[in-house]
Amino acid sequence: MADALATLTGKETRSVVLGHLQRGGAPTSFDRVLATRFGGKAVDLIQQGEFGTMVAFDPPDIVARPLADVVGKTKTVPMNSDLLLTAKALGVTFGD
């Protein structure tokens, strides 16, 4: 598939074995539904001819974000985030 895409697009293309990339454990039902929603939105964007965007989860919606708005930017998690505080309470360390 990667070779065919490279030929069609003229761009360097690499294949990735998802299991080698993803080391977060077994997917939850939320993960599976989210992935399906991302895929559906990506197909919709292609059908609409809307390129140069990425799909994003903006709860509760799946939305398109222009790549120019997200590339090269860092999105941080506030130190007082409930998720971060819960993880720390459970013994997860973040190098601090």
PDB file of N, CA and C in Angstrom:
ATOM      1  N   MET A   1       0.818  -1.174   0.000  1.00  0.00           N
ATOM      2  CA  MET A   1       0.000   0.000   0.000  1.00  0.00           C
ATOM      3  C   MET A   1       0.874   1.254   0.000  1.00  0.00           C
ATOM      4  N   ALA A   2       1.927   1.240   0.836  1.00  0.00           N
ATOM      5  CA  ALA A   2       2.806   2.414   0.915  1.00  0.00           C
ATOM      6  C   ALA A   2       3.445   2.701  -0.440  1.00  0.00           C
ATOM      7  N   ASP A   3       3.890   1.660  -1.127  1.00  0.00           N
ATOM      8  CA  ASP A   3       4.515   1.854  -2.440  1.00  0.00           C
ATOM      9  C   ASP A   3       3.525   2.427  -3.443  1.00  0.00           C
ATOM     10  N   ALA A   4       2.303   1.922  -3.423  1.00  0.00           N
ATOM     11  CA  ALA A   4       1.277   2.421  -4.341  1.00  0.00           C
ATOM     12  C   ALA A   4       0.961   3.890  -4.060  1.00  0.00           C
ATOM     13  N   LEU A   5       0.858   4.252  -2.787  1.00  0.00           N
ATOM     14  CA  LEU A   5       0.597   5.649  -2.434  1.00  0.00           C
ATOM     15  C   LEU A   5       1.754   6.551  -2.855  1.00  0.00           C
ATOM     16  N   ALA A   6       2.976   6.068  -2.675  1.00  0.00           N
ATOM     17  CA  ALA A   6       4.146   6.855  -3.072  1.00  0.00           C
ATOM     18  C   ALA A   6       4.139   7.097  -4.576  1.00  0.00           C
ATOM     19  N   THR A   7       3.788   6.072  -5.327  1.00  0.00           N
ATOM     20  CA  THR A   7       3.736   6.196  -6.775  1.00  0.00           C
ATOM     21  C   THR A   7       2.647   7.180  -7.199  1.00  0.00           C
ATOM     22  N   LEU A   8       1.488   7.078  -6.589  1.00  0.00           N
ATOM     23  CA  LEU A   8       0.366   7.947  -6.939  1.00  0.00           C
ATOM     24  C   LEU A   8       0.567   9.400  -6.526  1.00  0.00           C
ATOM     25  N   THR A   9       1.208   9.615  -5.385  1.00  0.00           N
ATOM     26  CA  THR A   9       1.329  10.973  -4.858  1.00  0.00           C
ATOM     27  C   THR A   9       2.668  11.631  -5.153  1.00  0.00           C
ATOM     28  N   GLY A  10       3.677  10.819  -5.465  1.00  0.00           N
ATOM     29  CA  GLY A  10       5.003  11.376  -5.659  1.00  0.00           C
ATOM     30  C   GLY A  10       5.661  11.789  -4.355  1.00  0.00           C
ATOM     31  N   LYS A  11       5.100  11.343  -3.244  1.00  0.00           N
ATOM     32  CA  LYS A  11       5.615  11.680  -1.913  1.00  0.00           C
ATOM     33  C   LYS A  11       6.229  10.452  -1.264  1.00  0.00           C
ATOM     34  N   GLU A  12       7.231  10.693  -0.405  1.00  0.00           N
ATOM     35  CA  GLU A  12       7.802   9.595   0.363  1.00  0.00           C
ATOM     36  C   GLU A  12       6.722   9.016   1.268  1.00  0.00           C
ATOM     37  N   THR A  13       6.577   7.718   1.267  1.00  0.00           N
ATOM     38  CA  THR A  13       5.544   7.063   2.058  1.00  0.00           C
ATOM     39  C   THR A  13       6.150   5.886   2.797  1.00  0.00           C
ATOM     40  N   ARG A  14       5.788   5.752   4.054  1.00  0.00           N
ATOM     41  CA  ARG A  14       6.303   4.647   4.868  1.00  0.00           C
ATOM     42  C   ARG A  14       5.141   3.894   5.482  1.00  0.00           C
ATOM     43  N   SER A  15       5.343   2.622   5.686  1.00  0.00           N
ATOM     44  CA  SER A  15       4.317   1.827   6.359  1.00  0.00           C
ATOM     45  C   SER A  15       4.725   1.646   7.819  1.00  0.00           C
ATOM     46  N   VAL A  16       3.730   1.499   8.669  1.00  0.00           N
ATOM     47  CA  VAL A  16       3.969   1.337  10.100  1.00  0.00           C
ATOM     48  C   VAL A  16       3.103   0.191  10.598  1.00  0.00           C
ATOM     49  N   VAL A  17       3.684  -0.673  11.390  1.00  0.00           N
ATOM     50  CA  VAL A  17       2.921  -1.720  12.053  1.00  0.00           C
ATOM     51  C   VAL A  17       2.360  -1.096  13.326  1.00  0.00           C
ATOM     52  N   LEU A  18       1.040  -0.971  13.399  1.00  0.00           N
ATOM     53  CA  LEU A  18       0.409  -0.269  14.512  1.00  0.00           C
ATOM     54  C   LEU A  18       0.846  -0.817  15.862  1.00  0.00           C
ATOM     55  N   GLY A  19       0.998  -2.114  15.963  1.00  0.00           N
ATOM     56  CA  GLY A  19       1.410  -2.715  17.225  1.00  0.00           C
ATOM     57  C   GLY A  19       2.794  -2.279  17.672  1.00  0.00           C
ATOM     58  N   HIS A  20       3.656  -1.905  16.706  1.00  0.00           N
ATOM     59  CA  HIS A  20       4.994  -1.422  17.051  1.00  0.00           C
ATOM     60  C   HIS A  20       4.946   0.032  17.495  1.00  0.00           C
ATOM     61  N   LEU A  21       3.982   0.763  16.983  1.00  0.00           N
ATOM     62  CA  LEU A  21       3.858   2.186  17.285  1.00  0.00           C
ATOM     63  C   LEU A  21       3.091   2.420  18.583  1.00  0.00           C
ATOM     64  N   GLN A  22       2.093   1.624  18.803  1.00  0.00           N
ATOM     65  CA  GLN A  22       1.177   1.812  19.929  1.00  0.00           C
ATOM     66  C   GLN A  22       1.559   0.874  21.065  1.00  0.00           C
ATOM     67  N   ARG A  23       1.879   1.435  22.205  1.00  0.00           N
ATOM     68  CA  ARG A  23       2.282   0.619  23.351  1.00  0.00           C
ATOM     69  C   ARG A  23       1.432   0.946  24.573  1.00  0.00           C
ATOM     70  N   GLY A  24       0.186   1.314  24.347  1.00  0.00           N
ATOM     71  CA  GLY A  24      -0.644   1.772  25.453  1.00  0.00           C
ATOM     72  C   GLY A  24      -1.576   0.718  26.023  1.00  0.00           C
ATOM     73  N   GLY A  25      -1.399  -0.522  25.674  1.00  0.00           N
ATOM     74  CA  GLY A  25      -2.293  -1.554  26.179  1.00  0.00           C
ATOM     75  C   GLY A  25      -3.457  -1.791  25.232  1.00  0.00           C
ATOM     76  N   ALA A  26      -4.364  -2.620  25.669  1.00  0.00           N
ATOM     77  CA  ALA A  26      -5.524  -2.977  24.848  1.00  0.00           C
ATOM     78  C   ALA A  26      -6.460  -1.776  24.703  1.00  0.00           C
ATOM     79  N   PRO A  27      -7.000  -1.567  23.506  1.00  0.00           N
ATOM     80  CA  PRO A  27      -7.919  -0.447  23.313  1.00  0.00           C
ATOM     81  C   PRO A  27      -9.232  -0.659  24.067  1.00  0.00           C
ATOM     82  N   THR A  28      -9.763   0.430  24.579  1.00  0.00           N
ATOM     83  CA  THR A  28     -11.058   0.383  25.259  1.00  0.00           C
ATOM     84  C   THR A  28     -12.164   0.556  24.227  1.00  0.00           C
ATOM     85  N   SER A  29     -13.395   0.403  24.656  1.00  0.00           N
ATOM     86  CA  SER A  29     -14.519   0.632  23.734  1.00  0.00           C
ATOM     87  C   SER A  29     -14.527   2.097  23.280  1.00  0.00           C
ATOM     88  N   PHE A  30     -14.148   3.019  24.167  1.00  0.00           N
ATOM     89  CA  PHE A  30     -14.067   4.432  23.787  1.00  0.00           C
ATOM     90  C   PHE A  30     -13.035   4.622  22.679  1.00  0.00           C
ATOM     91  N   ASP A  31     -11.864   3.986  22.815  1.00  0.00           N
ATOM     92  CA  ASP A  31     -10.812   4.079  21.796  1.00  0.00           C
ATOM     93  C   ASP A  31     -11.325   3.602  20.443  1.00  0.00           C
ATOM     94  N   ARG A  32     -12.029   2.485  20.459  1.00  0.00           N
ATOM     95  CA  ARG A  32     -12.523   1.903  19.210  1.00  0.00           C
ATOM     96  C   ARG A  32     -13.575   2.792  18.550  1.00  0.00           C
ATOM     97  N   VAL A  33     -14.478   3.332  19.343  1.00  0.00           N
ATOM     98  CA  VAL A  33     -15.514   4.216  18.791  1.00  0.00           C
ATOM     99  C   VAL A  33     -14.881   5.509  18.284  1.00  0.00           C
ATOM    100  N   LEU A  34     -13.930   6.061  19.041  1.00  0.00           N
ATOM    101  CA  LEU A  34     -13.252   7.290  18.627  1.00  0.00           C
ATOM    102  C   LEU A  34     -12.523   7.081  17.301  1.00  0.00           C
ATOM    103  N   ALA A  35     -11.830   5.961  17.160  1.00  0.00           N
ATOM    104  CA  ALA A  35     -11.120   5.662  15.917  1.00  0.00           C
ATOM    105  C   ALA A  35     -12.096   5.561  14.746  1.00  0.00           C
ATOM    106  N   THR A  36     -13.247   4.955  14.969  1.00  0.00           N
ATOM    107  CA  THR A  36     -14.265   4.847  13.927  1.00  0.00           C
ATOM    108  C   THR A  36     -14.781   6.225  13.544  1.00  0.00           C
ATOM    109  N   ARG A  37     -15.012   7.066  14.543  1.00  0.00           N
ATOM    110  CA  ARG A  37     -15.491   8.430  14.282  1.00  0.00           C
ATOM    111  C   ARG A  37     -14.439   9.243  13.517  1.00  0.00           C
ATOM    112  N   PHE A  38     -13.158   9.097  13.901  1.00  0.00           N
ATOM    113  CA  PHE A  38     -12.087   9.786  13.185  1.00  0.00           C
ATOM    114  C   PHE A  38     -12.059   9.345  11.722  1.00  0.00           C
ATOM    115  N   GLY A  39     -12.127   8.038  11.498  1.00  0.00           N
ATOM    116  CA  GLY A  39     -12.107   7.517  10.132  1.00  0.00           C
ATOM    117  C   GLY A  39     -13.274   8.012   9.314  1.00  0.00           C
ATOM    118  N   GLY A  40     -14.458   8.021   9.908  1.00  0.00           N
ATOM    119  CA  GLY A  40     -15.647   8.510   9.205  1.00  0.00           C
ATOM    120  C   GLY A  40     -15.512   9.973   8.824  1.00  0.00           C
ATOM    121  N   LYS A  41     -15.004  10.783   9.744  1.00  0.00           N
ATOM    122  CA  LYS A  41     -14.826  12.211   9.467  1.00  0.00           C
ATOM    123  C   LYS A  41     -13.770  12.416   8.388  1.00  0.00           C
ATOM    124  N   ALA A  42     -12.694  11.634   8.426  1.00  0.00           N
ATOM    125  CA  ALA A  42     -11.651  11.744   7.411  1.00  0.00           C
ATOM    126  C   ALA A  42     -12.210  11.435   6.022  1.00  0.00           C
ATOM    127  N   VAL A  43     -13.038  10.399   5.931  1.00  0.00           N
ATOM    128  CA  VAL A  43     -13.664  10.057   4.645  1.00  0.00           C
ATOM    129  C   VAL A  43     -14.577  11.184   4.188  1.00  0.00           C
ATOM    130  N   ASP A  44     -15.356  11.755   5.101  1.00  0.00           N
ATOM    131  CA  ASP A  44     -16.223  12.895   4.752  1.00  0.00           C
ATOM    132  C   ASP A  44     -15.401  14.056   4.192  1.00  0.00           C
ATOM    133  N   LEU A  45     -14.278  14.371   4.842  1.00  0.00           N
ATOM    134  CA  LEU A  45     -13.442  15.478   4.384  1.00  0.00           C
ATOM    135  C   LEU A  45     -12.880  15.215   2.995  1.00  0.00           C
ATOM    136  N   ILE A  46     -12.474  13.972   2.735  1.00  0.00           N
ATOM    137  CA  ILE A  46     -11.967  13.617   1.410  1.00  0.00           C
ATOM    138  C   ILE A  46     -13.069  13.782   0.371  1.00  0.00           C
ATOM    139  N   GLN A  47     -14.274  13.295   0.686  1.00  0.00           N
ATOM    140  CA  GLN A  47     -15.396  13.401  -0.254  1.00  0.00           C
ATOM    141  C   GLN A  47     -15.748  14.857  -0.550  1.00  0.00           C
ATOM    142  N   GLN A  48     -15.536  15.734   0.434  1.00  0.00           N
ATOM    143  CA  GLN A  48     -15.827  17.160   0.254  1.00  0.00           C
ATOM    144  C   GLN A  48     -14.662  17.900  -0.408  1.00  0.00           C
ATOM    145  N   GLY A  49     -13.558  17.189  -0.636  1.00  0.00           N
ATOM    146  CA  GLY A  49     -12.387  17.810  -1.239  1.00  0.00           C
ATOM    147  C   GLY A  49     -11.663  18.738  -0.289  1.00  0.00           C
ATOM    148  N   GLU A  50     -11.860  18.532   1.000  1.00  0.00           N
ATOM    149  CA  GLU A  50     -11.235  19.379   2.010  1.00  0.00           C
ATOM    150  C   GLU A  50      -9.927  18.736   2.469  1.00  0.00           C
ATOM    151  N   PHE A  51      -8.828  19.237   1.912  1.00  0.00           N
ATOM    152  CA  PHE A  51      -7.513  18.699   2.232  1.00  0.00           C
ATOM    153  C   PHE A  51      -6.736  19.717   3.054  1.00  0.00           C
ATOM    154  N   GLY A  52      -5.579  19.332   3.561  1.00  0.00           N
ATOM    155  CA  GLY A  52      -4.791  20.243   4.381  1.00  0.00           C
ATOM    156  C   GLY A  52      -5.368  20.396   5.775  1.00  0.00           C
ATOM    157  N   THR A  53      -6.169  19.405   6.188  1.00  0.00           N
ATOM    158  CA  THR A  53      -6.769  19.435   7.514  1.00  0.00           C
ATOM    159  C   THR A  53      -6.504  18.111   8.223  1.00  0.00           C
ATOM    160  N   MET A  54      -6.769  18.099   9.498  1.00  0.00           N
ATOM    161  CA  MET A  54      -6.700  16.869  10.286  1.00  0.00           C
ATOM    162  C   MET A  54      -7.986  16.750  11.078  1.00  0.00           C
ATOM    163  N   VAL A  55      -8.327  15.552  11.479  1.00  0.00           N
ATOM    164  CA  VAL A  55      -9.492  15.372  12.332  1.00  0.00           C
ATOM    165  C   VAL A  55      -9.059  15.511  13.785  1.00  0.00           C
ATOM    166  N   ALA A  56      -9.941  16.067  14.596  1.00  0.00           N
ATOM    167  CA  ALA A  56      -9.633  16.291  16.002  1.00  0.00           C
ATOM    168  C   ALA A  56     -10.878  16.050  16.838  1.00  0.00           C
ATOM    169  N   PHE A  57     -10.656  15.677  18.069  1.00  0.00           N
ATOM    170  CA  PHE A  57     -11.740  15.468  19.026  1.00  0.00           C
ATOM    171  C   PHE A  57     -11.910  16.761  19.813  1.00  0.00           C
ATOM    172  N   ASP A  58     -13.024  17.421  19.601  1.00  0.00           N
ATOM    173  CA  ASP A  58     -13.388  18.641  20.327  1.00  0.00           C
ATOM    174  C   ASP A  58     -14.698  18.293  21.012  1.00  0.00           C
ATOM    175  N   PRO A  59     -14.592  17.653  22.185  1.00  0.00           N
ATOM    176  CA  PRO A  59     -15.764  17.032  22.806  1.00  0.00           C
ATOM    177  C   PRO A  59     -17.002  17.921  22.787  1.00  0.00           C
ATOM    178  N   PRO A  60     -18.116  17.362  22.356  1.00  0.00           N
ATOM    179  CA  PRO A  60     -18.348  15.960  21.984  1.00  0.00           C
ATOM    180  C   PRO A  60     -18.187  15.701  20.489  1.00  0.00           C
ATOM    181  N   ASP A  61     -17.639  16.640  19.741  1.00  0.00           N
ATOM    182  CA  ASP A  61     -17.628  16.548  18.284  1.00  0.00           C
ATOM    183  C   ASP A  61     -16.279  16.122  17.716  1.00  0.00           C
ATOM    184  N   ILE A  62     -16.335  15.572  16.509  1.00  0.00           N
ATOM    185  CA  ILE A  62     -15.145  15.312  15.709  1.00  0.00           C
ATOM    186  C   ILE A  62     -15.140  16.416  14.660  1.00  0.00           C
ATOM    187  N   VAL A  63     -14.058  17.182  14.609  1.00  0.00           N
ATOM    188  CA  VAL A  63     -14.009  18.362  13.750  1.00  0.00           C
ATOM    189  C   VAL A  63     -12.762  18.336  12.876  1.00  0.00           C
ATOM    190  N   ALA A  64     -12.759  19.182  11.858  1.00  0.00           N
ATOM    191  CA  ALA A  64     -11.580  19.365  11.007  1.00  0.00           C
ATOM    192  C   ALA A  64     -10.804  20.563  11.537  1.00  0.00           C
ATOM    193  N   ARG A  65      -9.493  20.429  11.607  1.00  0.00           N
ATOM    194  CA  ARG A  65      -8.609  21.529  12.003  1.00  0.00           C
ATOM    195  C   ARG A  65      -7.591  21.732  10.878  1.00  0.00           C
ATOM    196  N   PRO A  66      -7.431  22.964  10.409  1.00  0.00           N
ATOM    197  CA  PRO A  66      -6.412  23.225   9.386  1.00  0.00           C
ATOM    198  C   PRO A  66      -5.022  22.869   9.921  1.00  0.00           C
ATOM    199  N   LEU A  67      -4.235  22.184   9.118  1.00  0.00           N
ATOM    200  CA  LEU A  67      -2.898  21.791   9.549  1.00  0.00           C
ATOM    201  C   LEU A  67      -2.059  23.005   9.935  1.00  0.00           C
ATOM    202  N   ALA A  68      -2.250  24.115   9.238  1.00  0.00           N
ATOM    203  CA  ALA A  68      -1.486  25.329   9.545  1.00  0.00           C
ATOM    204  C   ALA A  68      -1.740  25.818  10.971  1.00  0.00           C
ATOM    205  N   ASP A  69      -2.906  25.477  11.526  1.00  0.00           N
ATOM    206  CA  ASP A  69      -3.240  25.905  12.887  1.00  0.00           C
ATOM    207  C   ASP A  69      -2.617  25.016  13.961  1.00  0.00           C
ATOM    208  N   VAL A  70      -2.134  23.842  13.577  1.00  0.00           N
ATOM    209  CA  VAL A  70      -1.653  22.892  14.585  1.00  0.00           C
ATOM    210  C   VAL A  70      -0.199  22.474  14.439  1.00  0.00           C
ATOM    211  N   VAL A  71       0.351  22.555  13.251  1.00  0.00           N
ATOM    212  CA  VAL A  71       1.721  22.096  13.025  1.00  0.00           C
ATOM    213  C   VAL A  71       2.706  23.030  13.721  1.00  0.00           C
ATOM    214  N   GLY A  72       3.646  22.433  14.438  1.00  0.00           N
ATOM    215  CA  GLY A  72       4.691  23.198  15.087  1.00  0.00           C
ATOM    216  C   GLY A  72       4.273  23.861  16.388  1.00  0.00           C
ATOM    217  N   LYS A  73       3.094  23.544  16.870  1.00  0.00           N
ATOM    218  CA  LYS A  73       2.615  24.119  18.121  1.00  0.00           C
ATOM    219  C   LYS A  73       2.538  23.036  19.184  1.00  0.00           C
ATOM    220  N   THR A  74       2.768  23.427  20.414  1.00  0.00           N
ATOM    221  CA  THR A  74       2.699  22.491  21.527  1.00  0.00           C
ATOM    222  C   THR A  74       1.442  22.771  22.332  1.00  0.00           C
ATOM    223  N   LYS A  75       0.695  21.733  22.598  1.00  0.00           N
ATOM    224  CA  LYS A  75      -0.494  21.852  23.435  1.00  0.00           C
ATOM    225  C   LYS A  75      -0.150  21.211  24.774  1.00  0.00           C
ATOM    226  N   THR A  76      -0.175  21.991  25.813  1.00  0.00           N
ATOM    227  CA  THR A  76       0.215  21.483  27.125  1.00  0.00           C
ATOM    228  C   THR A  76      -1.004  21.164  27.977  1.00  0.00           C
ATOM    229  N   VAL A  77      -0.772  20.364  28.990  1.00  0.00           N
ATOM    230  CA  VAL A  77      -1.816  20.024  29.962  1.00  0.00           C
ATOM    231  C   VAL A  77      -1.549  20.857  31.204  1.00  0.00           C
ATOM    232  N   PRO A  78      -2.535  21.615  31.676  1.00  0.00           N
ATOM    233  CA  PRO A  78      -2.327  22.424  32.879  1.00  0.00           C
ATOM    234  C   PRO A  78      -1.939  21.540  34.068  1.00  0.00           C
ATOM    235  N   MET A  79      -1.013  22.024  34.882  1.00  0.00           N
ATOM    236  CA  MET A  79      -0.531  21.249  36.026  1.00  0.00           C
ATOM    237  C   MET A  79      -1.641  20.930  37.024  1.00  0.00           C
ATOM    238  N   ASN A  80      -2.714  21.717  37.034  1.00  0.00           N
ATOM    239  CA  ASN A  80      -3.827  21.459  37.953  1.00  0.00           C
ATOM    240  C   ASN A  80      -4.974  20.700  37.277  1.00  0.00           C
ATOM    241  N   SER A  81      -4.694  20.114  36.122  1.00  0.00           N
ATOM    242  CA  SER A  81      -5.700  19.328  35.407  1.00  0.00           C
ATOM    243  C   SER A  81      -6.149  18.144  36.259  1.00  0.00           C
ATOM    244  N   ASP A  82      -7.448  17.898  36.285  1.00  0.00           N
ATOM    245  CA  ASP A  82      -7.994  16.775  37.048  1.00  0.00           C
ATOM    246  C   ASP A  82      -7.347  15.452  36.626  1.00  0.00           C
ATOM    247  N   LEU A  83      -7.153  15.288  35.329  1.00  0.00           N
ATOM    248  CA  LEU A  83      -6.550  14.049  34.826  1.00  0.00           C
ATOM    249  C   LEU A  83      -5.115  13.892  35.339  1.00  0.00           C
ATOM    250  N   LEU A  84      -4.344  14.954  35.304  1.00  0.00           N
ATOM    251  CA  LEU A  84      -2.967  14.914  35.773  1.00  0.00           C
ATOM    252  C   LEU A  84      -2.911  14.673  37.288  1.00  0.00           C
ATOM    253  N   LEU A  85      -3.740  15.360  38.033  1.00  0.00           N
ATOM    254  CA  LEU A  85      -3.761  15.179  39.489  1.00  0.00           C
ATOM    255  C   LEU A  85      -4.179  13.766  39.876  1.00  0.00           C
ATOM    256  N   THR A  86      -5.123  13.199  39.148  1.00  0.00           N
ATOM    257  CA  THR A  86      -5.549  11.823  39.412  1.00  0.00           C
ATOM    258  C   THR A  86      -4.420  10.848  39.129  1.00  0.00           C
ATOM    259  N   ALA A  87      -3.731  11.038  38.000  1.00  0.00           N
ATOM    260  CA  ALA A  87      -2.606  10.160  37.659  1.00  0.00           C
ATOM    261  C   ALA A  87      -1.532  10.226  38.740  1.00  0.00           C
ATOM    262  N   LYS A  88      -1.210  11.427  39.192  1.00  0.00           N
ATOM    263  CA  LYS A  88      -0.198  11.578  40.244  1.00  0.00           C
ATOM    264  C   LYS A  88      -0.647  10.910  41.528  1.00  0.00           C
ATOM    265  N   ALA A  89      -1.929  11.027  41.871  1.00  0.00           N
ATOM    266  CA  ALA A  89      -2.449  10.390  43.076  1.00  0.00           C
ATOM    267  C   ALA A  89      -2.351   8.872  43.000  1.00  0.00           C
ATOM    268  N   LEU A  90      -2.370   8.341  41.791  1.00  0.00           N
ATOM    269  CA  LEU A  90      -2.251   6.901  41.586  1.00  0.00           C
ATOM    270  C   LEU A  90      -0.792   6.440  41.500  1.00  0.00           C
ATOM    271  N   GLY A  91       0.141   7.404  41.609  1.00  0.00           N
ATOM    272  CA  GLY A  91       1.555   7.043  41.614  1.00  0.00           C
ATOM    273  C   GLY A  91       2.268   7.215  40.306  1.00  0.00           C
ATOM    274  N   VAL A  92       1.613   7.775  39.297  1.00  0.00           N
ATOM    275  CA  VAL A  92       2.268   8.028  38.014  1.00  0.00           C
ATOM    276  C   VAL A  92       3.170   9.237  38.176  1.00  0.00           C
ATOM    277  N   THR A  93       4.410   9.143  37.690  1.00  0.00           N
ATOM    278  CA  THR A  93       5.323  10.285  37.778  1.00  0.00           C
ATOM    279  C   THR A  93       5.552  10.865  36.392  1.00  0.00           C
ATOM    280  N   PHE A  94       5.792  12.152  36.340  1.00  0.00           N
ATOM    281  CA  PHE A  94       5.995  12.863  35.086  1.00  0.00           C
ATOM    282  C   PHE A  94       7.343  13.570  35.059  1.00  0.00           C
ATOM    283  N   GLY A  95       8.306  13.055  35.819  1.00  0.00           N
ATOM    284  CA  GLY A  95       9.636  13.630  35.820  1.00  0.00           C
ATOM    285  C   GLY A  95       9.776  14.859  36.680  1.00  0.00           C
ATOM    286  N   ASP A  96       8.787  15.099  37.530  1.00  0.00           N
ATOM    287  CA  ASP A  96       8.875  16.285  38.399  1.00  0.00           C
ATOM    288  C   ASP A  96       9.119  15.902  39.844  1.00  0.00           C
TER     289      ASP A  96
END
